Amino acid sequence: MTEQMAFTLSSASTGFVAAICFCIGSAFLNRKKIIVLSSTYWGYNEAQAKALISQSVQYLIGAFFLIVAFALQIVATQASQNELHLPHPALESPYTFVVVIFLSCSLLAYVIFRGLLLRQPSILKELQEK
């Protein structure tokens, strides 16, 4: 596999993870959540606040991976046609390479998502105080 192909495949895989992050909020908005979010409450709506925090985090992660994907596309245009020496022979297959990059990016997205959700209790506490 050439360097250019590796960067191009990495960019496509990373862009796919970015697209998933942007779409995930809408994909998991089921009937029950729509009813809860559209109901009126006095004060603040905790369910709506949690949904907005989660959606905000997903968009932030999606934006990060989209920027990485574009950067990889730029690097791919400048990469040489030399063979790339990968750490494991199984990664020489473009399909395996894409799967490994995709799973790595997905795992990173999940870890970042869980980490950024740690701010949720402080935001909810601030909402309760107002």
C-alpha atoms as a PDB file:
ATOM      1  CA  MET A   1       0.000   0.000   0.000  1.00  0.00           C
ATOM      2  CA  THR A   2       1.350   3.443  -0.874  1.00  0.00           C
ATOM      3  CA  GLU A   3       1.471   6.388   1.513  1.00  0.00           C
ATOM      4  CA  GLN A   4      -1.037   8.225  -0.638  1.00  0.00           C
ATOM      5  CA  MET A   5      -3.522   5.343  -0.499  1.00  0.00           C
ATOM      6  CA  ALA A   6      -3.056   5.006   3.270  1.00  0.00           C
ATOM      7  CA  PHE A   7      -3.816   8.692   3.861  1.00  0.00           C
ATOM      8  CA  THR A   8      -6.749   8.626   1.458  1.00  0.00           C
ATOM      9  CA  LEU A   9      -8.268   5.563   3.145  1.00  0.00           C
ATOM     10  CA  SER A  10      -7.625   7.077   6.585  1.00  0.00           C
ATOM     11  CA  SER A  11      -9.356  10.260   5.496  1.00  0.00           C
ATOM     12  CA  ALA A  12     -12.384   8.403   4.158  1.00  0.00           C
ATOM     13  CA  SER A  13     -12.671   6.294   7.323  1.00  0.00           C
ATOM     14  CA  THR A  14     -12.311   9.326   9.604  1.00  0.00           C
ATOM     15  CA  GLY A  15     -14.863  11.246   7.536  1.00  0.00           C
ATOM     16  CA  PHE A  16     -17.279   8.365   7.902  1.00  0.00           C
ATOM     17  CA  VAL A  17     -16.924   8.485  11.709  1.00  0.00           C
ATOM     18  CA  ALA A  18     -17.536  12.251  11.557  1.00  0.00           C
ATOM     19  CA  ALA A  19     -20.716  11.668   9.563  1.00  0.00           C
ATOM     20  CA  ILE A  20     -21.915   9.094  12.084  1.00  0.00           C
ATOM     21  CA  CYS A  21     -21.282  11.533  14.957  1.00  0.00           C
ATOM     22  CA  PHE A  22     -23.317  14.213  13.195  1.00  0.00           C
ATOM     23  CA  CYS A  23     -26.182  11.797  12.511  1.00  0.00           C
ATOM     24  CA  ILE A  24     -26.301   9.854  15.770  1.00  0.00           C
ATOM     25  CA  GLY A  25     -28.409  12.372  17.672  1.00  0.00           C
ATOM     26  CA  SER A  26     -31.196  12.208  15.136  1.00  0.00           C
ATOM     27  CA  ALA A  27     -30.921   8.460  14.650  1.00  0.00           C
ATOM     28  CA  PHE A  28     -31.672   7.679  18.294  1.00  0.00           C
ATOM     29  CA  LEU A  29     -34.471  10.203  18.729  1.00  0.00           C
ATOM     30  CA  ASN A  30     -37.360   7.784  19.226  1.00  0.00           C
ATOM     31  CA  ARG A  31     -41.069   8.398  19.818  1.00  0.00           C
ATOM     32  CA  LYS A  32     -40.742   8.372  23.619  1.00  0.00           C
ATOM     33  CA  LYS A  33     -37.935  10.954  23.612  1.00  0.00           C
ATOM     34  CA  ILE A  34     -39.865  13.208  21.227  1.00  0.00           C
ATOM     35  CA  ILE A  35     -42.882  13.172  23.559  1.00  0.00           C
ATOM     36  CA  VAL A  36     -40.734  13.919  26.639  1.00  0.00           C
ATOM     37  CA  LEU A  37     -38.809  16.685  24.892  1.00  0.00           C
ATOM     38  CA  SER A  38     -41.906  18.352  23.500  1.00  0.00           C
ATOM     39  CA  SER A  39     -43.811  18.314  26.806  1.00  0.00           C
ATOM     40  CA  THR A  40     -43.979  21.556  28.738  1.00  0.00           C
ATOM     41  CA  TYR A  41     -42.725  21.918  32.287  1.00  0.00           C
ATOM     42  CA  TRP A  42     -42.462  24.707  34.788  1.00  0.00           C
ATOM     43  CA  GLY A  43     -38.849  25.679  35.314  1.00  0.00           C
ATOM     44  CA  TYR A  44     -36.523  23.684  33.112  1.00  0.00           C
ATOM     45  CA  ASN A  45     -36.943  20.439  31.250  1.00  0.00           C
ATOM     46  CA  GLU A  46     -34.218  18.030  32.454  1.00  0.00           C
ATOM     47  CA  ALA A  47     -34.807  15.593  29.586  1.00  0.00           C
ATOM     48  CA  GLN A  48     -34.405  18.363  27.043  1.00  0.00           C
ATOM     49  CA  ALA A  49     -31.278  19.634  28.789  1.00  0.00           C
ATOM     50  CA  LYS A  50     -29.702  16.149  28.723  1.00  0.00           C
ATOM     51  CA  ALA A  51     -30.592  15.713  25.053  1.00  0.00           C
ATOM     52  CA  LEU A  52     -29.100  19.087  24.157  1.00  0.00           C
ATOM     53  CA  ILE A  53     -25.896  18.347  26.079  1.00  0.00           C
ATOM     54  CA  SER A  54     -25.553  14.978  24.362  1.00  0.00           C
ATOM     55  CA  GLN A  55     -26.258  16.479  20.944  1.00  0.00           C
ATOM     56  CA  SER A  56     -23.754  19.265  21.554  1.00  0.00           C
ATOM     57  CA  VAL A  57     -21.063  16.748  22.459  1.00  0.00           C
ATOM     58  CA  GLN A  58     -21.836  14.642  19.365  1.00  0.00           C
ATOM     59  CA  TYR A  59     -21.573  17.679  17.094  1.00  0.00           C
ATOM     60  CA  LEU A  60     -18.290  18.694  18.709  1.00  0.00           C
ATOM     61  CA  ILE A  61     -16.816  15.226  18.152  1.00  0.00           C
ATOM     62  CA  GLY A  62     -18.151  15.135  14.587  1.00  0.00           C
ATOM     63  CA  ALA A  63     -16.547  18.510  13.858  1.00  0.00           C
ATOM     64  CA  PHE A  64     -13.206  17.297  15.250  1.00  0.00           C
ATOM     65  CA  PHE A  65     -13.209  14.169  13.065  1.00  0.00           C
ATOM     66  CA  LEU A  66     -14.324  16.166  10.027  1.00  0.00           C
ATOM     67  CA  ILE A  67     -11.355  18.517  10.450  1.00  0.00           C
ATOM     68  CA  VAL A  68      -9.025  15.508  10.826  1.00  0.00           C
ATOM     69  CA  ALA A  69     -10.513  13.952   7.671  1.00  0.00           C
ATOM     70  CA  PHE A  70      -9.911  17.127   5.673  1.00  0.00           C
ATOM     71  CA  ALA A  71      -6.355  17.381   6.998  1.00  0.00           C
ATOM     72  CA  LEU A  72      -5.700  13.781   5.954  1.00  0.00           C
ATOM     73  CA  GLN A  73      -7.016  14.562   2.468  1.00  0.00           C
ATOM     74  CA  ILE A  74      -4.556  17.427   2.180  1.00  0.00           C
ATOM     75  CA  VAL A  75      -1.701  15.211   3.387  1.00  0.00           C
ATOM     76  CA  ALA A  76      -2.762  12.514   0.892  1.00  0.00           C
ATOM     77  CA  THR A  77      -2.272  14.908  -2.016  1.00  0.00           C
ATOM     78  CA  GLN A  78       1.326  15.486  -0.918  1.00  0.00           C
ATOM     79  CA  ALA A  79       2.170  11.893   0.013  1.00  0.00           C
ATOM     80  CA  SER A  80       4.646   9.964  -2.065  1.00  0.00           C
ATOM     81  CA  GLN A  81       3.920   6.865  -4.104  1.00  0.00           C
ATOM     82  CA  ASN A  82       6.449   4.898  -2.031  1.00  0.00           C
ATOM     83  CA  GLU A  83       5.318   1.744  -0.316  1.00  0.00           C
ATOM     84  CA  LEU A  84       4.286   2.298   3.275  1.00  0.00           C
ATOM     85  CA  HIS A  85       5.736  -0.121   5.811  1.00  0.00           C
ATOM     86  CA  LEU A  86       2.926  -0.917   8.210  1.00  0.00           C
ATOM     87  CA  PRO A  87       3.502  -2.550  11.615  1.00  0.00           C
ATOM     88  CA  HIS A  88       1.509  -5.695  10.783  1.00  0.00           C
ATOM     89  CA  PRO A  89       1.209  -7.549   7.448  1.00  0.00           C
ATOM     90  CA  ALA A  90      -2.580  -7.817   7.804  1.00  0.00           C
ATOM     91  CA  LEU A  91      -2.809  -4.025   7.465  1.00  0.00           C
ATOM     92  CA  GLU A  92      -1.500  -4.259   3.885  1.00  0.00           C
ATOM     93  CA  SER A  93      -5.028  -5.077   2.724  1.00  0.00           C
ATOM     94  CA  PRO A  94      -6.963  -1.848   2.076  1.00  0.00           C
ATOM     95  CA  TYR A  95     -10.116  -3.397   3.541  1.00  0.00           C
ATOM     96  CA  THR A  96      -8.419  -4.406   6.776  1.00  0.00           C
ATOM     97  CA  PHE A  97      -6.728  -1.006   6.958  1.00  0.00           C
ATOM     98  CA  VAL A  98     -10.086   0.787   6.623  1.00  0.00           C
ATOM     99  CA  VAL A  99     -11.686  -1.423   9.288  1.00  0.00           C
ATOM    100  CA  VAL A 100      -8.796  -0.790  11.715  1.00  0.00           C
ATOM    101  CA  ILE A 101      -8.896   2.990  11.146  1.00  0.00           C
ATOM    102  CA  PHE A 102     -12.695   3.047  11.423  1.00  0.00           C
ATOM    103  CA  LEU A 103     -12.743   1.039  14.658  1.00  0.00           C
ATOM    104  CA  SER A 104      -9.921   3.122  16.136  1.00  0.00           C
ATOM    105  CA  CYS A 105     -11.718   6.375  15.318  1.00  0.00           C
ATOM    106  CA  SER A 106     -15.018   5.002  16.628  1.00  0.00           C
ATOM    107  CA  LEU A 107     -13.414   3.952  19.900  1.00  0.00           C
ATOM    108  CA  LEU A 108     -11.753   7.362  20.232  1.00  0.00           C
ATOM    109  CA  ALA A 109     -15.090   9.082  19.504  1.00  0.00           C
ATOM    110  CA  TYR A 110     -16.802   7.008  22.192  1.00  0.00           C
ATOM    111  CA  VAL A 111     -14.104   7.767  24.782  1.00  0.00           C
ATOM    112  CA  ILE A 112     -14.257  11.494  23.998  1.00  0.00           C
ATOM    113  CA  PHE A 113     -18.075  11.399  24.137  1.00  0.00           C
ATOM    114  CA  ARG A 114     -18.109   9.735  27.550  1.00  0.00           C
ATOM    115  CA  GLY A 115     -15.436  12.145  28.807  1.00  0.00           C
ATOM    116  CA  LEU A 116     -17.276  15.246  27.630  1.00  0.00           C
ATOM    117  CA  LEU A 117     -20.539  13.990  29.125  1.00  0.00           C
ATOM    118  CA  LEU A 118     -18.922  14.299  32.551  1.00  0.00           C
ATOM    119  CA  ARG A 119     -19.864  17.986  32.414  1.00  0.00           C
ATOM    120  CA  GLN A 120     -23.575  17.088  32.357  1.00  0.00           C
ATOM    121  CA  PRO A 121     -24.131  17.034  36.158  1.00  0.00           C
ATOM    122  CA  SER A 122     -22.620  20.504  36.603  1.00  0.00           C
ATOM    123  CA  ILE A 123     -24.807  21.940  33.842  1.00  0.00           C
ATOM    124  CA  LEU A 124     -27.930  20.328  35.333  1.00  0.00           C
ATOM    125  CA  LYS A 125     -27.008  21.644  38.787  1.00  0.00           C
ATOM    126  CA  GLU A 126     -26.630  25.138  37.348  1.00  0.00           C
ATOM    127  CA  LEU A 127     -30.056  24.822  35.689  1.00  0.00           C
ATOM    128  CA  GLN A 128     -31.649  23.761  38.987  1.00  0.00           C
ATOM    129  CA  GLU A 129     -30.203  26.801  40.764  1.00  0.00           C
ATOM    130  CA  LYS A 130     -31.699  29.257  38.256  1.00  0.00           C
END
